[in-house]
Structure formats: structure tokens, C-alpha cells
N, C-alpha and C. Protein backbone atom coordinates (compact mmCIF):
# COMPACT_ATOMS: atom_id res chain seq x y z
N MET A 1 -72.01 -51.14 48.30
CA MET A 1 -71.29 -50.11 48.99
C MET A 1 -70.15 -49.61 48.09
N LEU A 2 -69.93 -48.37 48.15
CA LEU A 2 -68.93 -47.72 47.31
C LEU A 2 -67.59 -47.69 48.04
N THR A 3 -66.53 -48.19 47.40
CA THR A 3 -65.19 -48.15 48.01
C THR A 3 -64.38 -47.05 47.33
N LEU A 4 -63.69 -46.34 48.15
CA LEU A 4 -62.86 -45.25 47.63
C LEU A 4 -61.46 -45.75 47.33
N VAL A 5 -61.00 -45.49 46.14
CA VAL A 5 -59.64 -45.85 45.75
C VAL A 5 -58.74 -44.67 46.07
N PRO A 6 -57.65 -44.91 46.81
CA PRO A 6 -56.76 -43.79 47.12
C PRO A 6 -56.20 -43.17 45.85
N LEU A 7 -56.30 -41.86 45.76
CA LEU A 7 -55.80 -41.15 44.59
C LEU A 7 -54.29 -41.05 44.58
N PHE A 8 -53.72 -41.05 45.76
CA PHE A 8 -52.27 -40.85 45.86
C PHE A 8 -51.62 -42.10 46.45
N ASP A 9 -51.43 -43.10 45.61
CA ASP A 9 -50.79 -44.34 46.06
C ASP A 9 -49.31 -44.12 46.39
N PHE A 10 -48.71 -43.10 45.82
CA PHE A 10 -47.28 -42.89 46.04
C PHE A 10 -46.97 -42.41 47.45
N VAL A 11 -47.98 -41.98 48.20
CA VAL A 11 -47.75 -41.49 49.56
C VAL A 11 -47.20 -42.61 50.42
N GLN A 12 -47.70 -43.81 50.26
CA GLN A 12 -47.17 -44.93 51.04
C GLN A 12 -45.73 -45.22 50.65
N ASP A 13 -45.40 -45.16 49.36
CA ASP A 13 -44.06 -45.46 48.91
C ASP A 13 -43.05 -44.39 49.35
N SER A 14 -43.51 -43.17 49.54
CA SER A 14 -42.58 -42.11 49.89
C SER A 14 -42.02 -42.26 51.30
N ASN A 15 -42.68 -43.03 52.14
CA ASN A 15 -42.15 -43.22 53.49
C ASN A 15 -40.80 -43.91 53.45
N GLY A 16 -40.64 -44.87 52.57
CA GLY A 16 -39.35 -45.53 52.42
C GLY A 16 -38.30 -44.58 51.90
N GLY A 17 -38.68 -43.71 50.96
CA GLY A 17 -37.75 -42.72 50.42
C GLY A 17 -37.35 -41.70 51.47
N THR A 18 -38.29 -41.32 52.28
CA THR A 18 -38.00 -40.36 53.35
C THR A 18 -37.01 -40.95 54.33
N LYS A 19 -37.21 -42.21 54.67
CA LYS A 19 -36.29 -42.86 55.61
C LYS A 19 -34.89 -42.98 54.99
N THR A 20 -34.85 -43.31 53.69
CA THR A 20 -33.56 -43.43 53.01
C THR A 20 -32.80 -42.10 53.03
N TRP A 21 -33.48 -41.01 52.67
CA TRP A 21 -32.82 -39.71 52.62
C TRP A 21 -32.44 -39.22 54.02
N LYS A 22 -33.26 -39.57 55.00
CA LYS A 22 -32.92 -39.19 56.38
C LYS A 22 -31.64 -39.90 56.81
N MET A 23 -31.54 -41.19 56.50
CA MET A 23 -30.35 -41.95 56.89
C MET A 23 -29.13 -41.46 56.10
N LEU A 24 -29.31 -41.15 54.80
CA LEU A 24 -28.19 -40.62 54.02
C LEU A 24 -27.71 -39.29 54.59
N THR A 25 -28.65 -38.45 55.01
CA THR A 25 -28.27 -37.17 55.58
C THR A 25 -27.49 -37.36 56.88
N LEU A 26 -28.00 -38.23 57.74
CA LEU A 26 -27.36 -38.42 59.04
C LEU A 26 -26.04 -39.18 58.95
N LEU A 27 -25.95 -40.16 58.06
CA LEU A 27 -24.78 -41.03 58.02
C LEU A 27 -23.74 -40.64 56.96
N VAL A 28 -24.13 -39.82 55.97
CA VAL A 28 -23.19 -39.45 54.92
C VAL A 28 -22.96 -37.93 54.88
N ALA A 29 -24.04 -37.17 54.80
CA ALA A 29 -23.90 -35.72 54.60
C ALA A 29 -23.28 -35.03 55.81
N PHE A 30 -23.83 -35.25 57.00
CA PHE A 30 -23.29 -34.57 58.18
C PHE A 30 -21.84 -34.97 58.47
N PRO A 31 -21.49 -36.27 58.44
CA PRO A 31 -20.07 -36.60 58.62
C PRO A 31 -19.18 -36.02 57.51
N GLY A 32 -19.69 -35.98 56.28
CA GLY A 32 -18.92 -35.39 55.19
C GLY A 32 -18.65 -33.92 55.42
N VAL A 33 -19.65 -33.19 55.88
CA VAL A 33 -19.47 -31.77 56.19
C VAL A 33 -18.48 -31.61 57.34
N ALA A 34 -18.57 -32.49 58.34
CA ALA A 34 -17.65 -32.41 59.48
C ALA A 34 -16.21 -32.64 59.03
N VAL A 35 -15.99 -33.62 58.15
CA VAL A 35 -14.63 -33.90 57.64
C VAL A 35 -14.12 -32.69 56.85
N CYS A 36 -14.96 -32.08 56.04
CA CYS A 36 -14.55 -30.89 55.28
C CYS A 36 -14.21 -29.73 56.22
N MET A 37 -14.98 -29.57 57.30
CA MET A 37 -14.70 -28.50 58.26
C MET A 37 -13.35 -28.72 58.93
N VAL A 38 -13.07 -29.96 59.33
CA VAL A 38 -11.78 -30.26 59.97
C VAL A 38 -10.64 -30.02 58.99
N ASN A 39 -10.82 -30.43 57.74
CA ASN A 39 -9.80 -30.22 56.72
C ASN A 39 -9.53 -28.73 56.51
N ALA A 40 -10.59 -27.93 56.42
CA ALA A 40 -10.42 -26.49 56.24
C ALA A 40 -9.75 -25.86 57.46
N TYR A 41 -10.10 -26.31 58.66
CA TYR A 41 -9.50 -25.77 59.88
C TYR A 41 -8.00 -26.07 59.92
N ILE A 42 -7.63 -27.30 59.61
CA ILE A 42 -6.21 -27.68 59.64
C ILE A 42 -5.44 -26.90 58.57
N GLY A 43 -6.01 -26.78 57.38
CA GLY A 43 -5.35 -26.03 56.32
C GLY A 43 -5.17 -24.56 56.68
N GLU A 44 -6.19 -23.96 57.29
CA GLU A 44 -6.08 -22.55 57.68
C GLU A 44 -5.07 -22.37 58.80
N LYS A 45 -5.00 -23.34 59.72
CA LYS A 45 -4.02 -23.27 60.80
C LYS A 45 -2.60 -23.30 60.25
N GLU A 46 -2.36 -24.18 59.26
CA GLU A 46 -1.04 -24.24 58.63
C GLU A 46 -0.74 -22.95 57.87
N HIS A 47 -1.75 -22.40 57.23
CA HIS A 47 -1.57 -21.16 56.47
C HIS A 47 -1.22 -20.00 57.39
N LEU A 48 -1.87 -19.91 58.53
CA LEU A 48 -1.61 -18.82 59.48
C LEU A 48 -0.26 -18.97 60.17
N ALA A 49 0.28 -20.18 60.20
CA ALA A 49 1.58 -20.39 60.84
C ALA A 49 2.71 -19.77 60.00
N HIS A 50 2.47 -19.53 58.72
CA HIS A 50 3.49 -18.96 57.83
C HIS A 50 2.93 -17.68 57.20
N PRO A 51 3.02 -16.56 57.92
CA PRO A 51 2.43 -15.33 57.37
C PRO A 51 3.13 -14.87 56.11
N HIS A 52 2.34 -14.40 55.20
CA HIS A 52 2.88 -13.90 53.93
C HIS A 52 2.11 -12.65 53.55
N GLN A 53 2.83 -11.66 53.18
CA GLN A 53 2.22 -10.40 52.76
C GLN A 53 2.58 -10.19 51.29
N PRO A 54 1.58 -10.04 50.42
CA PRO A 54 1.90 -9.83 49.01
C PRO A 54 2.75 -8.59 48.82
N GLU A 55 3.62 -8.63 47.84
CA GLU A 55 4.48 -7.47 47.56
C GLU A 55 3.62 -6.28 47.16
N PHE A 56 3.94 -5.13 47.71
CA PHE A 56 3.17 -3.93 47.38
C PHE A 56 3.63 -3.38 46.04
N LEU A 57 2.70 -3.27 45.13
CA LEU A 57 2.97 -2.66 43.83
C LEU A 57 2.02 -1.48 43.69
N GLU A 58 2.59 -0.33 43.40
CA GLU A 58 1.78 0.89 43.35
C GLU A 58 1.16 1.04 41.95
N TYR A 59 0.00 0.41 41.79
CA TYR A 59 -0.73 0.55 40.53
C TYR A 59 -1.69 1.74 40.64
N SER A 60 -1.85 2.47 39.57
CA SER A 60 -2.70 3.66 39.63
C SER A 60 -4.18 3.33 39.73
N HIS A 61 -4.59 2.12 39.36
CA HIS A 61 -6.00 1.77 39.39
C HIS A 61 -6.42 1.08 40.69
N LEU A 62 -5.50 0.83 41.61
CA LEU A 62 -5.82 0.20 42.89
C LEU A 62 -5.79 1.23 44.01
N ARG A 63 -6.57 0.97 45.05
CA ARG A 63 -6.60 1.79 46.27
C ARG A 63 -6.88 3.27 45.95
N LEU A 64 -7.82 3.50 45.08
CA LEU A 64 -8.20 4.88 44.74
C LEU A 64 -8.99 5.50 45.89
N ARG A 65 -8.75 6.74 46.18
CA ARG A 65 -9.50 7.47 47.19
C ARG A 65 -10.06 8.72 46.53
N THR A 66 -11.29 8.64 46.02
CA THR A 66 -11.89 9.81 45.39
C THR A 66 -12.49 10.74 46.43
N LYS A 67 -12.88 10.17 47.58
CA LYS A 67 -13.31 11.00 48.71
C LYS A 67 -12.94 10.27 49.99
N ARG A 68 -12.82 11.00 51.06
CA ARG A 68 -12.38 10.43 52.33
C ARG A 68 -13.46 9.54 52.94
N PHE A 69 -13.04 8.50 53.68
CA PHE A 69 -13.99 7.70 54.43
C PHE A 69 -14.52 8.56 55.58
N PRO A 70 -15.78 8.37 55.97
CA PRO A 70 -16.36 9.23 57.01
C PRO A 70 -15.91 8.89 58.43
N TRP A 71 -15.00 7.97 58.62
CA TRP A 71 -14.53 7.61 59.96
C TRP A 71 -13.01 7.73 60.02
N GLY A 72 -12.51 7.85 61.22
CA GLY A 72 -11.06 7.89 61.43
C GLY A 72 -10.38 9.00 60.66
N ASP A 73 -9.22 8.67 60.10
CA ASP A 73 -8.47 9.67 59.34
C ASP A 73 -8.94 9.79 57.90
N GLY A 74 -9.91 8.98 57.49
CA GLY A 74 -10.46 9.05 56.15
C GLY A 74 -9.70 8.24 55.12
N ASN A 75 -8.59 7.63 55.51
CA ASN A 75 -7.78 6.87 54.57
C ASN A 75 -7.90 5.37 54.78
N HIS A 76 -8.38 4.95 55.95
CA HIS A 76 -8.50 3.53 56.28
C HIS A 76 -9.94 3.07 56.07
N SER A 77 -10.10 1.87 55.45
CA SER A 77 -11.44 1.32 55.28
C SER A 77 -12.00 0.94 56.66
N PHE A 78 -13.29 0.64 56.73
CA PHE A 78 -13.93 0.38 58.02
C PHE A 78 -13.33 -0.86 58.70
N PHE A 79 -13.03 -1.90 57.94
CA PHE A 79 -12.45 -3.12 58.49
C PHE A 79 -10.98 -3.21 58.12
N HIS A 80 -10.24 -2.15 58.30
CA HIS A 80 -8.83 -2.09 57.90
C HIS A 80 -7.96 -2.96 58.79
N ASN A 81 -7.07 -3.73 58.17
CA ASN A 81 -6.09 -4.53 58.89
C ASN A 81 -4.72 -4.03 58.45
N PRO A 82 -3.95 -3.42 59.35
CA PRO A 82 -2.68 -2.80 58.95
C PRO A 82 -1.66 -3.79 58.39
N LYS A 83 -1.79 -5.08 58.71
CA LYS A 83 -0.84 -6.07 58.21
C LYS A 83 -1.22 -6.58 56.81
N LEU A 84 -2.51 -6.57 56.47
CA LEU A 84 -2.95 -7.17 55.22
C LEU A 84 -3.53 -6.19 54.21
N ASN A 85 -4.03 -5.05 54.65
CA ASN A 85 -4.63 -4.09 53.73
C ASN A 85 -3.68 -2.93 53.49
N ALA A 86 -3.30 -2.76 52.24
CA ALA A 86 -2.36 -1.69 51.90
C ALA A 86 -3.11 -0.37 51.75
N LEU A 87 -2.44 0.69 52.10
CA LEU A 87 -2.92 2.04 51.85
C LEU A 87 -2.33 2.49 50.51
N PRO A 88 -2.72 3.63 49.99
CA PRO A 88 -2.13 4.08 48.73
C PRO A 88 -0.60 4.19 48.77
N ALA A 89 -0.03 4.44 49.94
CA ALA A 89 1.42 4.58 50.06
C ALA A 89 2.12 3.26 50.37
N GLY A 90 1.38 2.22 50.71
CA GLY A 90 1.99 0.93 51.04
C GLY A 90 1.43 0.37 52.33
N TYR A 91 2.02 -0.73 52.79
CA TYR A 91 1.59 -1.37 54.03
C TYR A 91 2.06 -0.56 55.23
N GLU A 92 1.24 -0.54 56.29
CA GLU A 92 1.64 0.14 57.53
C GLU A 92 2.60 -0.74 58.32
N VAL A 93 2.32 -2.05 58.37
CA VAL A 93 3.14 -3.00 59.11
C VAL A 93 3.61 -4.06 58.12
N LYS A 94 4.89 -4.27 58.02
CA LYS A 94 5.43 -5.27 57.10
C LYS A 94 5.68 -6.56 57.86
N ILE A 95 5.22 -7.68 57.27
CA ILE A 95 5.39 -8.98 57.91
C ILE A 95 5.92 -9.98 56.91
N GLY A 96 6.63 -11.00 57.40
CA GLY A 96 7.02 -12.18 56.64
C GLY A 96 7.73 -11.92 55.32
N GLY A 97 8.26 -13.01 54.79
CA GLY A 97 8.82 -13.05 53.45
C GLY A 97 9.90 -12.03 53.17
N HIS A 98 9.84 -11.42 51.98
CA HIS A 98 10.89 -10.54 51.50
C HIS A 98 10.82 -9.15 52.13
N HIS A 99 9.78 -8.81 52.85
CA HIS A 99 9.65 -7.47 53.45
C HIS A 99 10.50 -7.29 54.70
N GLU A 100 10.92 -8.39 55.34
CA GLU A 100 11.66 -8.27 56.59
C GLU A 100 13.00 -7.56 56.38
N HIS A 101 13.60 -7.68 55.22
CA HIS A 101 14.91 -7.08 54.97
C HIS A 101 14.80 -5.60 54.64
N GLU A 102 13.62 -5.11 54.31
CA GLU A 102 13.45 -3.72 53.92
C GLU A 102 13.22 -2.77 55.10
N GLU A 103 13.09 -3.30 56.32
CA GLU A 103 12.73 -2.47 57.46
C GLU A 103 13.92 -1.70 58.04
N GLU A 104 15.10 -1.82 57.52
CA GLU A 104 16.30 -1.19 58.10
C GLU A 104 16.23 0.31 58.04
């Protein structure tokens, strides 16, 4: 009688590797990602508690408007934030830091 020799002996060995990687994923990778998410959340919360607006410097190569935007007044980008996005003339709303003294 003819006996067939399995061509892929490594298939049996891969079950142990699969279990190892599954356990590493569940016990190391997912908790590691969770710790990184918590760290990023706490850092962002601290960052938002102290608002800072970069000083506006009128450089000729920034905030160029070669043609108007097709929405609104044509000067604001689609996702414009008046506190963080400067227009060619400067910020619309000044927040934090050294800008508070200039509002007089």
C-alpha cells in the first residue's frame, strides 16, 4: 500500500506560531495601543487648557489668494477656524499669549 507523505509539514508547526501571535496581539499590542491613546488624550487635554496662537507675520508667500474660494465671502477656506487660521490681513479672533494686550 502506498502511503502519502505530507508535503507541507510546516502547517502543523504554524498552529503554535498562530497562537503565539494571537496572544501577543491580545496581551501586548492592544493594551499598548490603549496606553498610547490615553497618553495622547491626556497630552491633548493639557494642550487645549493653555490656548496659544502663533504670532501673525505677514509674509508675502503665505496665505496667497490668486482666486476667490467658491463659498462664503471667498476669503475663508472651507474648514476655516477664526481663532487658528489667519487671513491675509491677520487673525479674526485673537486668543492667549501676547495677543491679549493688543486688543485695546
